[in-house]
Each structure stands twice: as structure tokens, then as C-alpha cells.
């Protein structure tokens, strides 16, 4: 009885490095996916914060920079929904999604600075996440190229 061993196959044989263009494409796609995931997370945070502010939850403190807590609640609810749509668009590879994601991350960082007096750690956390999102989108959103076969 003879047994035949089947050798595993892969795109890059063992011991050989991937071409630079393929490695660049993998890194670019990974950062864009990461930025989309972070934008989705920040969008969900904004939706939760917006709903909490609208419903007068004890979770939020009524010490806002200007306007009222309800106005900020509606702002963050709508802004969070826009961020969720932009995150989905970035993940799917839509060009307009990257622009929308950049705008929402930029203005979200500025908006969260208004809560820095009442929630300094939370505000800094959101600003850092927004900066990571912007980095992933700006540096790694170059035109997609076809991966060589």
C-alpha cells in the first residue's frame, strides 16, 4: 500500500519573501481596515453618548462648553450615525468614505475637546482614537493597485 503525501501550497513558498508591492498592499489594506474598525467604535461611542445625553442619563454631566446637553446629545447621535456609515464605506473601499471618515474624525476630535474639563481621560482617549483613524486614512489610503499574480 503506497501513501502519497500532498504538499501544502501557498502564494509565497516557504523561505521566500513577498514582493514589496504585495507587502505594501497588505499593509495598506490592514491600516484601512483598522481605521474603519476604530471609526465604527468611535461612532458607536458617540451614538451611546448622544442617546444618554438626550435621555438625561446620570451617565453624563450637564457641564458643556456651550449650548445645552440635549443639543450636544442630538449632535453626537447624528454625528455617530454619520461615522458608522463612513466606517462601513471605508471598509467596503468607497472613495467618498475616506473623505467622510477624515472629516468626521477631525471634527469629532475637536468636539470632544469641549468635554475635556468634565471628562479629561475620556476626551483624550477619543482624541487619540481619532488621530489613529486619521493616520490610517491619510497615510495608507493611496490608490489601490492590482496585486501581481
N, C-alpha and C. Protein backbone atom coordinates (compact mmCIF):
# COMPACT_ATOMS: atom_id res chain seq x y z
N UNK A 1 0.84 -1.17 0.00
CA UNK A 1 0.00 0.00 0.00
C UNK A 1 0.89 1.24 0.00
N UNK A 2 0.69 2.08 -0.97
CA UNK A 2 1.52 3.28 -1.06
C UNK A 2 0.73 4.49 -0.58
N UNK A 3 1.41 5.34 0.11
CA UNK A 3 0.77 6.58 0.57
C UNK A 3 1.42 7.74 -0.15
N UNK A 4 0.59 8.65 -0.55
CA UNK A 4 1.07 9.82 -1.25
C UNK A 4 0.88 11.03 -0.35
N UNK A 5 1.93 11.77 -0.15
CA UNK A 5 1.81 12.97 0.66
C UNK A 5 1.54 14.15 -0.26
N UNK A 6 0.60 14.95 0.17
CA UNK A 6 0.26 16.17 -0.58
C UNK A 6 0.95 17.34 0.11
N UNK A 7 1.74 18.05 -0.66
CA UNK A 7 2.47 19.20 -0.14
C UNK A 7 1.53 20.40 -0.10
N UNK A 8 1.55 21.15 1.01
CA UNK A 8 0.71 22.36 1.06
C UNK A 8 1.22 23.40 0.07
N UNK A 9 0.30 24.13 -0.47
CA UNK A 9 0.66 25.20 -1.41
C UNK A 9 0.29 26.54 -0.80
N UNK A 10 1.00 27.55 -1.21
CA UNK A 10 0.70 28.90 -0.75
C UNK A 10 1.15 29.88 -1.82
N UNK A 11 0.78 31.14 -1.62
CA UNK A 11 1.18 32.18 -2.56
C UNK A 11 2.69 32.41 -2.50
N UNK A 12 3.25 32.37 -1.31
CA UNK A 12 4.69 32.59 -1.15
C UNK A 12 5.30 31.31 -0.60
N UNK A 13 6.11 30.65 -1.40
CA UNK A 13 6.73 29.42 -0.91
C UNK A 13 7.57 29.70 0.34
N UNK A 14 7.71 28.67 1.15
CA UNK A 14 8.47 28.80 2.39
C UNK A 14 9.88 29.28 2.09
N UNK A 15 10.30 30.27 2.87
CA UNK A 15 11.66 30.78 2.70
C UNK A 15 11.76 31.94 1.73
N UNK A 16 10.68 32.28 1.04
CA UNK A 16 10.72 33.39 0.09
C UNK A 16 9.86 34.53 0.62
N UNK A 17 10.36 35.72 0.48
CA UNK A 17 9.63 36.90 0.93
C UNK A 17 8.65 37.33 -0.14
N UNK A 18 7.60 37.99 0.29
CA UNK A 18 6.63 38.55 -0.65
C UNK A 18 7.25 39.74 -1.37
N UNK A 19 6.85 39.97 -2.62
CA UNK A 19 7.33 41.17 -3.32
C UNK A 19 6.89 42.42 -2.56
N UNK A 20 7.67 43.51 -2.71
CA UNK A 20 7.37 44.75 -1.99
C UNK A 20 5.98 45.27 -2.30
N UNK A 21 5.53 45.17 -3.55
CA UNK A 21 4.22 45.68 -3.92
C UNK A 21 3.11 44.93 -3.19
N UNK A 22 3.26 43.62 -3.03
CA UNK A 22 2.26 42.83 -2.32
C UNK A 22 2.29 43.18 -0.84
N UNK A 23 3.49 43.30 -0.28
CA UNK A 23 3.61 43.66 1.14
C UNK A 23 3.01 45.03 1.40
N UNK A 24 3.24 46.01 0.51
CA UNK A 24 2.67 47.34 0.65
C UNK A 24 1.15 47.29 0.60
N UNK A 25 0.61 46.49 -0.29
CA UNK A 25 -0.85 46.37 -0.42
C UNK A 25 -1.46 45.74 0.83
N UNK A 26 -0.80 44.76 1.39
CA UNK A 26 -1.30 44.12 2.62
C UNK A 26 -1.28 45.13 3.76
N UNK A 27 -0.18 45.88 3.90
CA UNK A 27 -0.09 46.88 4.97
C UNK A 27 -1.13 47.97 4.80
N UNK A 28 -1.32 48.43 3.56
CA UNK A 28 -2.31 49.48 3.29
C UNK A 28 -3.71 49.00 3.63
N UNK A 29 -4.04 47.80 3.20
CA UNK A 29 -5.36 47.25 3.48
C UNK A 29 -5.58 47.02 4.96
N UNK A 30 -4.54 46.60 5.66
CA UNK A 30 -4.66 46.36 7.09
C UNK A 30 -4.91 47.67 7.84
N UNK A 31 -4.19 48.72 7.50
CA UNK A 31 -4.39 50.00 8.16
C UNK A 31 -5.76 50.58 7.85
N UNK A 32 -6.22 50.45 6.61
CA UNK A 32 -7.55 50.96 6.27
C UNK A 32 -8.63 50.20 7.03
N UNK A 33 -8.49 48.89 7.13
CA UNK A 33 -9.45 48.10 7.89
C UNK A 33 -9.42 48.49 9.36
N UNK A 34 -8.22 48.71 9.89
CA UNK A 34 -8.07 49.13 11.27
C UNK A 34 -8.72 50.49 11.50
N UNK A 35 -8.51 51.43 10.58
CA UNK A 35 -9.11 52.76 10.69
C UNK A 35 -10.63 52.66 10.62
N UNK A 36 -11.15 51.81 9.74
CA UNK A 36 -12.60 51.62 9.64
C UNK A 36 -13.16 51.04 10.93
N UNK A 37 -12.47 50.09 11.50
CA UNK A 37 -12.91 49.48 12.76
C UNK A 37 -12.91 50.50 13.90
N UNK A 38 -11.84 51.30 13.99
CA UNK A 38 -11.78 52.33 15.02
C UNK A 38 -12.87 53.38 14.81
N UNK A 39 -13.12 53.76 13.57
CA UNK A 39 -14.17 54.74 13.29
C UNK A 39 -15.54 54.18 13.68
N UNK A 40 -15.76 52.90 13.42
CA UNK A 40 -17.00 52.27 13.83
C UNK A 40 -17.13 52.30 15.36
N UNK A 41 -16.04 52.01 16.06
CA UNK A 41 -16.05 52.02 17.52
C UNK A 41 -16.34 53.42 18.06
N UNK A 42 -15.67 54.42 17.52
CA UNK A 42 -15.88 55.80 17.96
C UNK A 42 -17.31 56.24 17.61
N UNK A 43 -17.81 55.84 16.45
CA UNK A 43 -19.18 56.16 16.08
C UNK A 43 -20.18 55.56 17.06
N UNK A 44 -19.94 54.32 17.47
CA UNK A 44 -20.83 53.70 18.47
C UNK A 44 -20.75 54.43 19.80
N UNK A 45 -19.54 54.84 20.21
CA UNK A 45 -19.41 55.63 21.43
C UNK A 45 -20.22 56.91 21.34
N UNK A 46 -20.16 57.58 20.19
CA UNK A 46 -20.90 58.82 20.01
C UNK A 46 -22.41 58.59 20.03
N UNK A 47 -22.87 57.51 19.43
CA UNK A 47 -24.29 57.19 19.46
C UNK A 47 -24.74 56.95 20.90
N UNK A 48 -23.96 56.19 21.65
CA UNK A 48 -24.31 55.91 23.05
C UNK A 48 -24.29 57.20 23.87
N UNK A 49 -23.26 58.02 23.70
CA UNK A 49 -23.19 59.29 24.43
C UNK A 49 -24.35 60.20 24.06
N UNK A 50 -24.69 60.24 22.77
CA UNK A 50 -25.80 61.08 22.31
C UNK A 50 -27.12 60.63 22.91
N UNK A 51 -27.38 59.34 22.89
CA UNK A 51 -28.62 58.83 23.48
C UNK A 51 -28.67 59.09 24.98
N UNK A 52 -27.54 58.93 25.66
CA UNK A 52 -27.50 59.18 27.10
C UNK A 52 -27.79 60.64 27.41
N UNK A 53 -27.25 61.55 26.60
CA UNK A 53 -27.48 62.98 26.83
C UNK A 53 -28.92 63.36 26.53
N UNK A 54 -29.49 62.80 25.50
CA UNK A 54 -30.87 63.11 25.14
C UNK A 54 -31.84 62.62 26.21
N UNK A 55 -31.56 61.47 26.79
CA UNK A 55 -32.45 60.86 27.78
C UNK A 55 -32.17 61.30 29.22
N UNK A 56 -31.31 62.30 29.39
CA UNK A 56 -30.95 62.83 30.71
C UNK A 56 -30.43 61.75 31.65
N UNK A 57 -29.58 60.92 31.14
CA UNK A 57 -28.99 59.85 31.95
C UNK A 57 -28.04 60.42 32.99
N UNK A 58 -27.88 59.72 34.09
CA UNK A 58 -26.91 60.13 35.11
C UNK A 58 -25.48 59.87 34.64
N UNK A 59 -25.35 59.22 33.51
CA UNK A 59 -24.04 58.89 32.93
C UNK A 59 -23.30 60.14 32.48
N UNK A 60 -24.03 61.15 32.06
CA UNK A 60 -23.41 62.38 31.56
C UNK A 60 -23.64 63.52 32.54
N UNK A 61 -22.72 64.45 32.55
CA UNK A 61 -22.79 65.62 33.42
C UNK A 61 -23.20 66.81 32.56
N UNK A 62 -24.09 67.61 33.09
CA UNK A 62 -24.57 68.77 32.34
C UNK A 62 -23.63 69.96 32.52
N UNK A 63 -22.39 69.79 32.11
CA UNK A 63 -21.40 70.87 32.11
C UNK A 63 -20.77 70.90 30.73
N UNK A 64 -21.44 71.52 29.81
CA UNK A 64 -20.94 71.60 28.44
C UNK A 64 -20.38 72.99 28.18
N UNK A 65 -19.52 73.07 27.19
CA UNK A 65 -18.84 74.32 26.88
C UNK A 65 -19.83 75.41 26.45
N UNK A 66 -20.77 75.06 25.60
CA UNK A 66 -21.81 76.00 25.17
C UNK A 66 -23.04 75.21 24.74
N UNK A 67 -24.15 75.88 24.62
CA UNK A 67 -25.43 75.29 24.26
C UNK A 67 -25.95 74.44 25.41
N UNK A 68 -26.81 73.48 25.10
CA UNK A 68 -27.39 72.64 26.15
C UNK A 68 -26.95 71.18 25.97
N UNK A 69 -27.17 70.41 27.01
CA UNK A 69 -26.81 69.00 26.96
C UNK A 69 -27.62 68.26 25.90
N UNK A 70 -28.89 68.63 25.74
CA UNK A 70 -29.72 67.97 24.72
C UNK A 70 -29.23 68.28 23.31
N UNK A 71 -28.80 69.52 23.08
CA UNK A 71 -28.28 69.88 21.76
C UNK A 71 -27.03 69.05 21.45
N UNK A 72 -26.13 68.93 22.44
CA UNK A 72 -24.94 68.11 22.23
C UNK A 72 -25.32 66.64 22.05
N UNK A 73 -26.34 66.20 22.76
CA UNK A 73 -26.81 64.81 22.60
C UNK A 73 -27.27 64.53 21.18
N UNK A 74 -28.06 65.43 20.63
CA UNK A 74 -28.51 65.24 19.24
C UNK A 74 -27.34 65.32 18.27
N UNK A 75 -26.42 66.26 18.54
CA UNK A 75 -25.24 66.37 17.68
C UNK A 75 -24.47 65.05 17.65
N UNK A 76 -24.16 64.51 18.84
CA UNK A 76 -23.35 63.29 18.88
C UNK A 76 -24.11 62.08 18.37
N UNK A 77 -25.41 62.05 18.51
CA UNK A 77 -26.19 60.94 17.95
C UNK A 77 -26.11 60.96 16.42
N UNK A 78 -26.38 62.12 15.84
CA UNK A 78 -26.33 62.23 14.37
C UNK A 78 -24.91 62.04 13.87
N UNK A 79 -23.94 62.64 14.56
CA UNK A 79 -22.53 62.52 14.17
C UNK A 79 -22.08 61.06 14.23
N UNK A 80 -22.51 60.35 15.26
CA UNK A 80 -22.16 58.93 15.39
C UNK A 80 -22.73 58.09 14.27
N UNK A 81 -23.95 58.39 13.86
CA UNK A 81 -24.56 57.66 12.75
C UNK A 81 -23.79 57.93 11.46
N UNK A 82 -23.41 59.18 11.23
CA UNK A 82 -22.61 59.52 10.05
C UNK A 82 -21.27 58.77 10.09
N UNK A 83 -20.66 58.67 11.28
CA UNK A 83 -19.40 57.95 11.40
C UNK A 83 -19.59 56.45 11.13
N UNK A 84 -20.69 55.88 11.55
CA UNK A 84 -20.95 54.47 11.28
C UNK A 84 -21.07 54.21 9.78
N UNK A 85 -21.77 55.11 9.08
CA UNK A 85 -21.90 54.98 7.62
C UNK A 85 -20.54 55.14 6.95
N UNK A 86 -19.76 56.13 7.40
CA UNK A 86 -18.43 56.34 6.83
C UNK A 86 -17.51 55.15 7.09
N UNK A 87 -17.60 54.56 8.28
CA UNK A 87 -16.77 53.39 8.60
C UNK A 87 -17.11 52.22 7.69
N UNK A 88 -18.38 52.01 7.46
CA UNK A 88 -18.80 50.93 6.55
C UNK A 88 -18.30 51.20 5.14
N UNK A 89 -18.37 52.47 4.70
CA UNK A 89 -17.90 52.83 3.36
C UNK A 89 -16.40 52.63 3.22
N UNK A 90 -15.63 53.00 4.23
CA UNK A 90 -14.18 52.80 4.18
C UNK A 90 -13.87 51.32 4.12
N UNK A 91 -14.56 50.54 4.92
CA UNK A 91 -14.32 49.10 4.93
C UNK A 91 -14.64 48.47 3.58
N UNK A 92 -15.66 48.98 2.90
CA UNK A 92 -16.04 48.46 1.58
C UNK A 92 -15.18 49.04 0.46
N UNK A 93 -14.34 50.04 0.76
CA UNK A 93 -13.43 50.58 -0.24
C UNK A 93 -13.96 51.75 -1.03
N UNK A 94 -15.02 52.40 -0.57
CA UNK A 94 -15.59 53.55 -1.28
C UNK A 94 -14.68 54.76 -1.10
N UNK A 95 -14.39 55.45 -2.18
CA UNK A 95 -13.52 56.62 -2.13
C UNK A 95 -14.12 57.76 -1.31
N UNK A 96 -15.43 57.97 -1.42
CA UNK A 96 -16.07 59.04 -0.66
C UNK A 96 -16.05 58.73 0.84
N UNK A 97 -15.98 57.46 1.18
CA UNK A 97 -15.97 57.06 2.58
C UNK A 97 -14.72 57.55 3.30
N UNK A 98 -13.59 57.55 2.59
CA UNK A 98 -12.34 58.02 3.19
C UNK A 98 -12.43 59.51 3.49
N UNK A 99 -12.99 60.29 2.56
CA UNK A 99 -13.15 61.72 2.80
C UNK A 99 -14.11 61.98 3.96
N UNK A 100 -15.22 61.27 3.97
CA UNK A 100 -16.19 61.44 5.06
C UNK A 100 -15.60 61.02 6.39
N UNK A 101 -14.83 59.96 6.39
CA UNK A 101 -14.20 59.47 7.63
C UNK A 101 -13.19 60.49 8.16
N UNK A 102 -12.41 61.07 7.26
CA UNK A 102 -11.43 62.08 7.68
C UNK A 102 -12.12 63.30 8.30
N UNK A 103 -13.17 63.77 7.65
CA UNK A 103 -13.89 64.94 8.16
C UNK A 103 -14.52 64.64 9.51
N UNK A 104 -15.17 63.48 9.63
CA UNK A 104 -15.83 63.17 10.90
C UNK A 104 -14.83 62.93 12.02
N UNK A 105 -13.70 62.30 11.73
CA UNK A 105 -12.70 62.07 12.77
C UNK A 105 -12.08 63.39 13.21
N UNK A 106 -11.80 64.27 12.26
CA UNK A 106 -11.21 65.57 12.59
C UNK A 106 -12.13 66.39 13.48
N UNK A 107 -13.38 66.56 13.06
CA UNK A 107 -14.31 67.38 13.84
C UNK A 107 -14.74 66.68 15.13
N UNK A 108 -14.71 65.36 15.15
CA UNK A 108 -15.02 64.64 16.38
C UNK A 108 -13.96 64.92 17.44
N UNK A 109 -12.70 64.96 17.03
CA UNK A 109 -11.62 65.28 17.98
C UNK A 109 -11.81 66.67 18.56
N UNK A 110 -12.16 67.62 17.71
CA UNK A 110 -12.40 68.99 18.19
C UNK A 110 -13.62 69.03 19.12
N UNK A 111 -14.68 68.33 18.75
CA UNK A 111 -15.90 68.34 19.58
C UNK A 111 -15.65 67.71 20.95
N UNK A 112 -14.84 66.67 20.99
CA UNK A 112 -14.58 66.03 22.28
C UNK A 112 -13.65 66.84 23.17
N UNK A 113 -12.94 67.78 22.59
CA UNK A 113 -12.15 68.68 23.43
C UNK A 113 -13.04 69.57 24.27
N UNK A 114 -14.29 69.78 23.84
CA UNK A 114 -15.21 70.60 24.63
C UNK A 114 -15.60 69.92 25.94
N UNK A 115 -15.44 68.60 26.03
CA UNK A 115 -15.75 67.88 27.26
C UNK A 115 -14.50 67.58 28.09
N UNK A 116 -13.40 68.18 27.72
CA UNK A 116 -12.14 67.88 28.40
C UNK A 116 -12.15 68.31 29.86
N UNK A 117 -12.94 69.32 30.21
CA UNK A 117 -12.98 69.77 31.60
C UNK A 117 -13.71 68.76 32.48
N UNK A 118 -14.79 68.18 31.98
CA UNK A 118 -15.57 67.26 32.81
C UNK A 118 -15.08 65.82 32.71
N UNK A 119 -14.61 65.40 31.55
CA UNK A 119 -14.14 64.02 31.35
C UNK A 119 -12.78 64.04 30.65
N UNK A 120 -11.71 64.41 31.33
CA UNK A 120 -10.42 64.57 30.65
C UNK A 120 -9.86 63.27 30.08
N UNK A 121 -9.95 62.17 30.82
CA UNK A 121 -9.39 60.91 30.33
C UNK A 121 -10.18 60.41 29.13
N UNK A 122 -11.51 60.48 29.19
CA UNK A 122 -12.34 60.04 28.09
C UNK A 122 -12.09 60.91 26.85
N UNK A 123 -12.00 62.21 27.04
CA UNK A 123 -11.76 63.11 25.90
C UNK A 123 -10.43 62.82 25.23
N UNK A 124 -9.39 62.64 26.03
CA UNK A 124 -8.07 62.34 25.46
C UNK A 124 -8.10 60.99 24.74
N UNK A 125 -8.80 60.02 25.31
CA UNK A 125 -8.91 58.69 24.67
C UNK A 125 -9.56 58.80 23.30
N UNK A 126 -10.65 59.54 23.22
CA UNK A 126 -11.35 59.69 21.93
C UNK A 126 -10.49 60.47 20.94
N UNK A 127 -9.80 61.50 21.41
CA UNK A 127 -8.93 62.27 20.51
C UNK A 127 -7.80 61.39 19.98
N UNK A 128 -7.22 60.55 20.82
CA UNK A 128 -6.16 59.64 20.37
C UNK A 128 -6.71 58.66 19.33
N UNK A 129 -7.90 58.12 19.57
CA UNK A 129 -8.51 57.22 18.58
C UNK A 129 -8.76 57.95 17.27
N UNK A 130 -9.23 59.19 17.35
CA UNK A 130 -9.46 59.97 16.12
C UNK A 130 -8.16 60.22 15.37
N UNK A 131 -7.08 60.49 16.09
CA UNK A 131 -5.79 60.70 15.44
C UNK A 131 -5.32 59.41 14.76
N UNK A 132 -5.50 58.27 15.41
CA UNK A 132 -5.15 56.98 14.78
C UNK A 132 -5.97 56.74 13.52
N UNK A 133 -7.25 57.09 13.58
CA UNK A 133 -8.11 56.95 12.39
C UNK A 133 -7.57 57.82 11.26
N UNK A 134 -7.27 59.08 11.58
CA UNK A 134 -6.77 59.98 10.54
C UNK A 134 -5.44 59.50 9.98
N UNK A 135 -4.56 58.99 10.84
CA UNK A 135 -3.28 58.46 10.36
C UNK A 135 -3.51 57.31 9.39
N UNK A 136 -4.33 56.37 9.79
CA UNK A 136 -4.59 55.21 8.93
C UNK A 136 -5.19 55.59 7.60
N UNK A 137 -6.05 56.60 7.61
CA UNK A 137 -6.70 57.02 6.37
C UNK A 137 -5.79 57.83 5.47
N UNK A 138 -5.04 58.75 6.05
CA UNK A 138 -4.21 59.64 5.24
C UNK A 138 -2.98 58.93 4.69
N UNK A 139 -2.28 58.22 5.54
CA UNK A 139 -1.01 57.61 5.13
C UNK A 139 -1.23 56.39 4.26
N UNK A 140 -2.26 55.62 4.53
CA UNK A 140 -2.42 54.34 3.85
C UNK A 140 -3.62 54.26 2.91
N UNK A 141 -4.16 55.39 2.50
CA UNK A 141 -5.32 55.33 1.62
C UNK A 141 -4.96 55.57 0.16
N UNK A 142 -3.72 55.34 -0.19
CA UNK A 142 -3.29 55.52 -1.59
C UNK A 142 -4.11 54.66 -2.53
N UNK A 143 -4.05 55.00 -3.76
CA UNK A 143 -4.83 54.29 -4.78
C UNK A 143 -4.53 52.79 -4.73
N UNK A 144 -5.57 52.01 -4.72
CA UNK A 144 -5.40 50.55 -4.71
C UNK A 144 -4.82 50.10 -6.03
N UNK A 145 -3.83 49.25 -5.94
CA UNK A 145 -3.23 48.70 -7.16
C UNK A 145 -3.52 47.22 -7.20
N UNK A 146 -3.52 46.69 -8.39
CA UNK A 146 -3.75 45.25 -8.53
C UNK A 146 -2.55 44.49 -8.01
N UNK A 147 -2.84 43.44 -7.25
CA UNK A 147 -1.78 42.61 -6.73
C UNK A 147 -1.27 41.73 -7.87
N UNK A 148 0.04 41.75 -8.11
CA UNK A 148 0.56 40.93 -9.21
C UNK A 148 0.37 39.44 -8.90
N UNK A 149 0.07 38.68 -9.94
CA UNK A 149 -0.18 37.25 -9.76
C UNK A 149 1.09 36.48 -9.63
